[in-house]
Amino acid sequence: MRVDLAERIRQRILEREARQLGRRLRTVEHSDGTHIVIAGRSLLSFASNDYLGLAQAPELSSALTAAIESWGVGATAAHLLGGHRQPHVDLEVEAAEWLGYERALLFSTGYAANLAVLSTLLEPGDLCVQDKLNHACLLDGARLSGALLKRYRHADTAHAASLLQAEPQAAALIASDAVFSMDGDIAPIAELADLAHAQRALLYLDDAHGVGVLGEQGRGSVAAAGLDSRHVPLLMVTLGKAIGSHGALVLGSNDLIDSLMQLARPYVFSTAMPPAVAAASLASIRLLRRESWRQERLQALIQQFQPAVSQLGFRLMPSRTAIQPILVGDEAEALRLSAGLEAAGLYVPAIRHPTVPKGQARLRVTLSAAHSDTDLARLIDALATLSESSVQT
């Protein structure tokens, strides 16, 4: 008898609920800086990727409004069919100059950018070697390409080398997150660059969570490692996290970017992002280039947070980025801690499988330059109360 898809899906959802892995959409009714309103209640959020507090900066709002007056709301077409507007060009040119690459190409999301790069540059018979903890879109892009996908142990370049050496004839690409979104740690970029050079492989980094936060002028993980486009020839950065806007850029040589512009299906067959959003992203990048206090403020908060939380007995993961996960392990306990923080007026969601490996549930605390010392003290006090209640239980 034929399988009933609807019934299979229903059973799958029931099984997830039984394992406390069910998810629910929660509507944010209003946001004001680091505070959000859910179900009529104001919560201090430590869950946003707005690491520098730029999403509601007046400079971005002004640039967006001015561009809407000139260009309207939508781009109205794909880039190749008349949707490529001057704000898109201005953003690509400045981003390439800022990050030290020949050329940049704008995508509507980081997910689409990674699908585009991997599905376009790779083909069946090629080899794609990826970190075990890479973001899902890097894995999906490789699978879509038909290339052989092999995954090395997290941050283990020796393991990556052995995977490359096992396929010496295949054209090869190494792909890695630069900053890992659920752990907050940084890839061994210099080692990966050396490996790529030695193995004649193309190195591609996803710096979604490093750009804006790390490096001089917020130039990201590559610059922070003392490297440049010669070492990392292909780079993706997102605009919806530290940049505070929306979209993504892929940066590389003229040839690499031209191949994506002409052949990448997620680019060719997608409507261009609204020009006004590109204008807001450009305004954000210009702020980052001339002002460093946001990065400095974020680092100061990290230095306050880590020892205070460690002293409470919580297990922090090694990170010097805005992502400061508290490793819990058990899904039910992670949910309990998240609920306890929300009861205290703080929004810190629990992260569970399949977003993270089984048995590695956590609270993904993200800090922002917009958080005050009082905000941080509230979080630490609430964690102290929960720590005491755990001991008493």
Protein backbone atom coordinates (compact mmCIF):
# COMPACT_ATOMS: atom_id res chain seq x y z
CA MET A 1 0.00 0.00 0.00
CA ARG A 2 1.19 3.48 -0.84
CA VAL A 3 2.60 5.52 2.07
CA ASP A 4 0.30 8.35 3.19
CA LEU A 5 2.56 11.41 3.20
CA ALA A 6 0.26 13.48 5.40
CA GLU A 7 0.15 10.72 8.03
CA ARG A 8 3.93 10.26 7.89
CA ILE A 9 4.42 13.96 8.48
CA ARG A 10 1.97 13.94 11.40
CA GLN A 11 3.81 11.05 13.05
CA ARG A 12 7.12 12.81 12.57
CA ILE A 13 5.81 15.89 14.36
CA LEU A 14 4.39 13.79 17.21
CA GLU A 15 7.75 12.07 17.65
CA ARG A 16 9.54 15.43 17.81
CA GLU A 17 7.11 16.67 20.43
CA ALA A 18 7.65 13.53 22.51
CA ARG A 19 11.40 14.20 22.50
CA GLN A 20 10.86 17.87 23.43
CA LEU A 21 12.15 18.98 20.05
CA GLY A 22 9.01 20.72 18.82
CA ARG A 23 9.29 24.32 17.65
CA ARG A 24 6.83 27.18 17.78
CA LEU A 25 6.75 30.49 15.98
CA ARG A 26 6.58 33.37 18.43
CA THR A 27 5.58 36.74 17.04
CA VAL A 28 7.58 39.79 18.04
CA GLU A 29 4.95 42.52 18.21
CA HIS A 30 7.38 45.41 18.67
CA SER A 31 11.11 45.97 18.97
CA ASP A 32 13.01 48.84 20.51
CA GLY A 33 16.74 48.35 20.53
CA THR A 34 17.51 45.34 22.70
CA HIS A 35 13.92 44.99 23.90
CA ILE A 36 11.21 43.03 22.11
CA VAL A 37 7.53 42.54 22.91
CA ILE A 38 6.06 39.02 22.74
CA ALA A 39 2.46 38.31 23.78
CA GLY A 40 2.19 41.83 25.14
CA ARG A 41 5.23 41.45 27.41
CA SER A 42 8.50 43.36 27.05
CA LEU A 43 11.58 41.14 27.13
CA LEU A 44 15.26 42.02 27.11
CA SER A 45 16.63 40.04 24.16
CA PHE A 46 19.91 38.19 24.12
CA ALA A 47 18.99 36.28 20.97
CA SER A 48 19.51 38.81 18.18
CA ASN A 49 22.28 38.68 15.58
CA ASP A 50 22.32 42.50 15.57
CA TYR A 51 25.75 42.34 17.17
CA LEU A 52 26.56 46.03 16.83
CA GLY A 53 23.09 47.46 17.41
CA LEU A 54 22.91 48.90 13.90
CA ALA A 55 19.53 47.53 12.80
CA GLN A 56 17.70 50.57 14.20
CA ALA A 57 20.50 53.10 13.78
CA PRO A 58 19.19 56.44 12.46
CA GLU A 59 21.83 56.55 9.72
CA LEU A 60 20.46 53.31 8.22
CA SER A 61 16.86 54.47 8.54
CA SER A 62 17.66 57.76 6.82
CA ALA A 63 19.45 56.00 3.96
CA LEU A 64 16.54 53.59 3.53
CA THR A 65 13.94 56.35 3.48
CA ALA A 66 15.87 58.48 0.99
CA ALA A 67 16.37 55.52 -1.33
CA ILE A 68 12.67 54.60 -1.22
CA GLU A 69 11.85 58.11 -2.39
CA SER A 70 14.18 57.68 -5.37
CA TRP A 71 13.71 54.00 -6.20
CA GLY A 72 10.44 52.89 -4.65
CA VAL A 73 10.03 49.77 -2.54
CA GLY A 74 10.85 46.88 -4.86
CA ALA A 75 13.51 46.23 -7.51
CA THR A 76 10.70 44.78 -9.70
CA ALA A 77 12.93 42.37 -11.67
CA ALA A 78 15.87 40.00 -11.51
CA HIS A 79 19.29 41.64 -11.68
CA LEU A 80 19.84 40.56 -15.30
CA LEU A 81 16.42 41.78 -16.43
CA GLY A 82 16.51 45.39 -15.25
CA GLY A 83 16.44 44.90 -11.49
CA HIS A 84 20.09 45.82 -11.01
CA ARG A 85 19.92 49.40 -9.73
CA GLN A 86 22.54 51.95 -8.78
CA PRO A 87 22.31 51.30 -5.00
CA HIS A 88 23.17 47.65 -5.70
CA VAL A 89 26.23 48.73 -7.68
CA ASP A 90 27.33 51.21 -5.03
CA LEU A 91 27.10 48.56 -2.32
CA GLU A 92 29.03 45.96 -4.33
CA VAL A 93 31.80 48.38 -5.23
CA GLU A 94 32.31 49.67 -1.69
CA ALA A 95 32.13 46.21 -0.13
CA ALA A 96 34.78 44.88 -2.51
CA GLU A 97 37.08 47.79 -1.73
CA TRP A 98 36.41 47.50 2.04
CA LEU A 99 37.18 43.78 2.18
CA GLY A 100 39.98 43.81 -0.38
CA TYR A 101 38.51 41.80 -3.26
CA GLU A 102 38.28 42.53 -6.97
CA ARG A 103 34.54 42.27 -7.14
CA ALA A 104 31.38 41.55 -5.11
CA LEU A 105 27.99 40.13 -6.07
CA LEU A 106 24.82 40.85 -4.10
CA PHE A 107 22.35 38.12 -3.08
CA SER A 108 19.05 38.40 -1.24
CA THR A 109 20.09 35.95 1.52
CA GLY A 110 23.19 34.18 2.74
CA TYR A 111 21.44 30.85 2.18
CA ALA A 112 20.91 31.69 -1.50
CA ALA A 113 24.51 32.88 -1.80
CA ASN A 114 25.95 29.62 -0.50
CA LEU A 115 23.63 27.54 -2.66
CA ALA A 116 24.71 29.63 -5.64
CA VAL A 117 28.45 29.34 -5.06
CA LEU A 118 28.60 25.61 -4.42
CA SER A 119 26.02 24.47 -6.96
CA THR A 120 27.65 26.61 -9.68
CA LEU A 121 31.36 26.04 -9.12
CA LEU A 122 31.16 22.32 -8.33
CA GLU A 123 29.95 19.49 -10.53
CA PRO A 124 29.70 15.68 -10.34
CA GLY A 125 33.16 14.17 -9.95
CA ASP A 126 34.47 17.11 -7.93
CA LEU A 127 35.26 16.98 -4.22
CA CYS A 128 33.86 19.31 -1.55
CA VAL A 129 35.47 19.07 1.89
CA GLN A 130 33.58 20.75 4.72
CA ASP A 131 33.78 21.24 8.47
CA LYS A 132 31.41 18.96 10.39
CA LEU A 133 29.71 21.97 12.01
CA ASN A 134 29.17 24.04 8.87
CA HIS A 135 25.87 25.82 8.39
CA ALA A 136 23.16 23.79 6.64
CA CYS A 137 23.24 25.92 3.48
CA LEU A 138 26.88 25.03 2.80
CA LEU A 139 26.01 21.35 3.02
CA ASP A 140 22.88 21.80 0.90
CA GLY A 141 24.83 23.65 -1.79
CA ALA A 142 27.37 20.86 -2.06
CA ARG A 143 24.66 18.20 -2.26
CA LEU A 144 22.82 20.18 -4.92
CA SER A 145 25.99 20.31 -7.05
CA GLY A 146 26.32 16.53 -7.23
CA ALA A 147 29.95 16.71 -6.07
CA LEU A 148 31.34 14.24 -3.57
CA LEU A 149 30.83 15.78 -0.12
CA LYS A 150 33.19 14.77 2.69
CA ARG A 151 33.06 16.29 6.18
CA TYR A 152 36.06 16.62 8.46
CA ARG A 153 36.06 16.72 12.24
CA HIS A 154 35.38 20.20 13.57
CA ALA A 155 38.39 22.50 13.01
CA ASP A 156 40.63 19.47 12.31
CA THR A 157 42.77 20.47 9.32
CA ALA A 158 44.75 17.23 9.47
CA HIS A 159 41.53 15.30 8.93
CA ALA A 160 40.60 17.67 6.10
CA ALA A 161 43.98 17.03 4.50
CA SER A 162 43.48 13.27 4.62
CA LEU A 163 40.10 13.61 2.87
CA LEU A 164 41.67 15.70 0.11
CA GLN A 165 44.61 13.33 -0.30
CA ALA A 166 42.21 10.39 -0.74
CA GLU A 167 40.87 12.01 -3.95
CA PRO A 168 44.05 13.40 -5.58
CA GLN A 169 42.60 13.77 -9.10
CA ALA A 170 39.34 15.53 -8.27
CA ALA A 171 38.88 19.27 -8.54
CA ALA A 172 38.43 20.32 -4.92
CA LEU A 173 36.84 23.05 -2.84
CA ILE A 174 37.21 23.53 0.92
CA ALA A 175 34.23 25.26 2.54
CA SER A 176 33.97 26.39 6.13
CA ASP A 177 32.12 28.77 8.36
CA ALA A 178 34.59 31.39 9.56
CA VAL A 179 32.70 31.86 12.84
CA PHE A 180 30.47 28.92 13.76
CA SER A 181 26.95 30.13 14.40
CA MET A 182 26.04 27.81 17.28
CA ASP A 183 29.46 27.56 18.97
CA GLY A 184 30.89 31.03 18.40
CA ASP A 185 34.42 29.74 17.80
CA ILE A 186 36.57 30.67 14.82
CA ALA A 187 37.82 28.31 12.12
CA PRO A 188 41.60 27.74 11.74
CA ILE A 189 41.61 30.01 8.71
CA ALA A 190 45.36 30.28 8.23
CA GLU A 191 45.75 26.49 8.38
CA LEU A 192 42.90 26.02 5.90
CA ALA A 193 44.52 28.55 3.56
CA ASP A 194 47.82 26.68 3.70
CA LEU A 195 46.04 23.38 3.11
CA ALA A 196 44.11 24.75 0.13
CA HIS A 197 47.33 26.06 -1.41
CA ALA A 198 49.16 22.77 -0.87
CA GLN A 199 46.29 20.72 -2.32
CA ARG A 200 45.41 23.12 -5.17
CA ALA A 201 41.91 23.44 -3.73
CA LEU A 202 39.70 26.53 -3.73
CA LEU A 203 39.02 27.89 -0.23
CA TYR A 204 35.56 29.35 0.39
CA LEU A 205 34.65 30.94 3.72
CA ASP A 206 31.24 31.93 5.07
CA ASP A 207 31.92 34.89 7.38
CA ALA A 208 28.30 35.62 8.27
CA HIS A 209 29.07 36.02 11.98
CA GLY A 210 32.55 37.53 11.74
CA VAL A 211 32.15 40.48 9.41
CA GLY A 212 31.48 43.68 11.33
CA VAL A 213 32.58 42.08 14.61
CA LEU A 214 36.18 41.05 13.99
CA GLY A 215 39.14 42.76 12.37
CA GLU A 216 40.05 46.38 11.79
CA GLN A 217 37.08 48.39 10.49
CA GLY A 218 34.98 45.27 11.09
CA ARG A 219 36.54 43.62 8.03
CA GLY A 220 35.90 40.19 9.49
CA SER A 221 37.63 36.92 10.21
CA VAL A 222 40.00 36.95 7.25
CA ALA A 223 41.45 40.33 8.18
CA ALA A 224 41.55 39.38 11.87
CA ALA A 225 43.69 36.39 10.94
CA GLY A 226 46.13 38.67 9.10
CA LEU A 227 45.09 37.25 5.72
CA ASP A 228 43.58 38.64 2.53
CA SER A 229 42.05 37.59 -0.79
CA ARG A 230 45.27 35.84 -1.83
CA HIS A 231 44.74 33.36 1.01
CA VAL A 232 40.91 33.22 0.92
CA PRO A 233 39.96 33.72 -2.74
CA LEU A 234 36.22 33.36 -2.23
CA LEU A 235 34.27 34.87 0.67
CA MET A 236 30.63 35.25 1.65
CA VAL A 237 29.43 37.87 4.13
CA THR A 238 25.89 38.52 5.25
CA LEU A 239 24.30 41.92 5.73
CA GLY A 240 21.54 40.91 8.15
CA LYS A 241 23.63 40.34 11.26
CA ALA A 242 26.30 42.80 12.44
CA ILE A 243 25.62 45.02 9.41
CA GLY A 244 22.02 45.36 10.63
CA SER A 245 20.35 45.23 7.21
CA HIS A 246 19.51 42.31 4.90
CA GLY A 247 21.09 40.20 2.18
CA ALA A 248 24.55 38.85 1.45
CA LEU A 249 27.61 39.43 -0.71
CA VAL A 250 29.96 36.98 -2.35
CA LEU A 251 33.43 38.39 -2.99
CA GLY A 252 36.18 37.07 -5.22
CA SER A 253 38.10 37.55 -8.44
CA ASN A 254 36.48 38.98 -11.54
CA ASP A 255 36.34 35.51 -13.11
CA LEU A 256 34.74 33.83 -10.11
CA ILE A 257 32.13 36.54 -9.64
CA ASP A 258 31.37 36.72 -13.35
CA SER A 259 30.73 32.98 -13.42
CA LEU A 260 28.23 33.34 -10.59
CA MET A 261 26.53 36.31 -12.23
CA GLN A 262 26.05 34.36 -15.45
CA LEU A 263 25.39 30.83 -14.22
CA ALA A 264 24.20 30.75 -10.58
CA ARG A 265 20.52 29.83 -10.61
CA PRO A 266 19.70 31.46 -7.23
CA TYR A 267 21.03 34.72 -8.69
CA VAL A 268 19.74 34.51 -12.25
CA PHE A 269 16.21 33.48 -11.30
CA SER A 270 15.62 35.67 -8.22
CA THR A 271 14.18 39.18 -8.05
CA ALA A 272 16.84 41.64 -6.90
CA MET A 273 16.61 42.89 -3.34
CA PRO A 274 14.94 46.28 -2.83
CA PRO A 275 17.40 49.05 -3.75
CA ALA A 276 16.59 50.86 -0.52
CA VAL A 277 17.81 47.89 1.51
CA ALA A 278 21.09 47.97 -0.40
CA ALA A 279 21.37 51.68 0.39
CA ALA A 280 20.89 50.97 4.10
CA SER A 281 23.61 48.29 3.98
CA LEU A 282 25.98 50.75 2.34
CA ALA A 283 25.28 53.32 5.07
CA SER A 284 26.07 50.68 7.70
CA ILE A 285 29.38 49.71 6.10
CA ARG A 286 30.42 53.35 5.95
CA LEU A 287 29.62 53.71 9.66
CA LEU A 288 31.75 50.67 10.46
CA ARG A 289 34.66 52.00 8.46
CA ARG A 290 34.84 55.31 10.31
CA GLU A 291 33.72 54.31 13.84
CA SER A 292 35.21 51.50 15.93
CA TRP A 293 33.48 52.09 19.25
CA ARG A 294 30.76 49.48 18.61
CA GLN A 295 33.26 46.66 18.18
CA GLU A 296 35.16 47.87 21.24
CA ARG A 297 31.95 48.01 23.29
CA LEU A 298 31.01 44.47 22.23
CA GLN A 299 34.42 43.12 23.24
CA ALA A 300 34.12 44.82 26.64
CA LEU A 301 30.78 43.10 27.25
CA ILE A 302 32.26 39.73 26.29
CA GLN A 303 35.09 40.24 28.77
CA GLN A 304 32.56 40.98 31.52
CA PHE A 305 30.21 38.14 30.65
CA GLN A 306 32.58 35.19 30.44
CA PRO A 307 34.16 35.18 33.93
CA ALA A 308 30.89 36.11 35.63
CA VAL A 309 28.95 33.22 34.07
CA SER A 310 31.78 30.72 34.48
CA GLN A 311 31.90 31.50 38.20
CA LEU A 312 28.23 30.53 38.44
CA GLY A 313 29.13 26.99 37.37
CA PHE A 314 27.79 27.20 33.82
CA ARG A 315 29.84 25.72 31.00
CA LEU A 316 30.70 28.30 28.37
CA MET A 317 31.97 27.31 24.96
CA PRO A 318 35.28 28.83 23.78
CA SER A 319 34.34 31.99 21.89
CA ARG A 320 35.65 35.52 21.57
CA THR A 321 32.79 36.55 19.32
CA ALA A 322 29.32 37.93 20.05
CA ILE A 323 28.00 34.35 20.21
CA GLN A 324 28.43 33.12 23.79
CA PRO A 325 26.71 29.72 24.11
CA ILE A 326 26.05 28.14 27.49
CA LEU A 327 26.31 24.38 26.96
CA VAL A 328 23.57 22.51 28.85
CA GLY A 329 23.39 19.11 27.17
CA ASP A 330 19.91 17.90 28.05
CA GLU A 331 17.06 19.31 25.94
CA ALA A 332 14.59 19.45 28.81
CA GLU A 333 17.05 21.30 31.04
CA ALA A 334 17.83 23.79 28.29
CA LEU A 335 14.10 24.46 27.91
CA ARG A 336 13.77 24.87 31.68
CA LEU A 337 16.57 27.41 31.84
CA SER A 338 15.19 29.33 28.86
CA ALA A 339 11.74 29.45 30.49
CA GLY A 340 13.28 30.61 33.76
CA LEU A 341 15.08 33.44 32.00
CA GLU A 342 11.88 34.46 30.23
CA ALA A 343 10.05 34.51 33.56
CA ALA A 344 12.70 37.01 34.67
CA GLY A 345 12.03 39.15 31.58
CA LEU A 346 14.88 37.88 29.39
CA TYR A 347 14.64 36.27 25.97
CA VAL A 348 17.27 33.54 25.45
CA PRO A 349 15.93 30.61 23.39
CA ALA A 350 17.09 27.04 23.90
CA ILE A 351 18.89 25.54 20.90
CA ARG A 352 18.31 21.81 20.39
CA HIS A 353 18.79 19.00 17.90
CA PRO A 354 18.88 19.06 14.88
CA THR A 355 20.28 22.60 14.96
CA VAL A 356 23.02 21.24 17.23
CA PRO A 357 24.15 17.62 17.75
CA LYS A 358 22.16 15.38 20.07
CA GLY A 359 23.11 15.86 23.71
CA GLN A 360 24.52 19.35 23.08
CA ALA A 361 21.48 21.52 23.75
CA ARG A 362 22.41 25.02 24.83
CA LEU A 363 21.38 28.56 25.53
CA ARG A 364 22.69 30.63 22.64
CA VAL A 365 23.42 33.97 24.29
CA THR A 366 24.27 36.69 21.80
CA LEU A 367 25.65 40.00 22.99
CA SER A 368 25.28 43.34 21.25
CA ALA A 369 27.04 46.66 21.51
CA ALA A 370 23.55 48.02 22.23
CA HIS A 371 23.38 46.15 25.55
CA SER A 372 24.08 48.30 28.58
CA ASP A 373 25.99 47.24 31.69
CA THR A 374 22.63 47.10 33.45
CA ASP A 375 21.29 44.75 30.76
CA LEU A 376 24.23 42.41 31.24
CA ALA A 377 23.88 42.51 35.02
CA ARG A 378 20.22 41.49 34.68
CA LEU A 379 21.20 38.44 32.64
CA ILE A 380 23.95 37.41 35.04
CA ASP A 381 21.68 37.84 38.08
CA ALA A 382 18.95 35.74 36.44
CA LEU A 383 21.47 33.01 35.61
CA ALA A 384 22.69 33.09 39.22
CA THR A 385 19.15 32.54 40.46
CA LEU A 386 18.65 29.62 38.08
CA SER A 387 22.00 28.14 39.10
CA GLU A 388 20.97 28.27 42.76
CA SER A 389 17.63 26.64 42.00
CA SER A 390 19.39 23.82 40.12
CA VAL A 391 21.64 23.14 43.13
CA GLN A 392 18.66 23.10 45.51
CA THR A 393 16.76 20.70 43.23
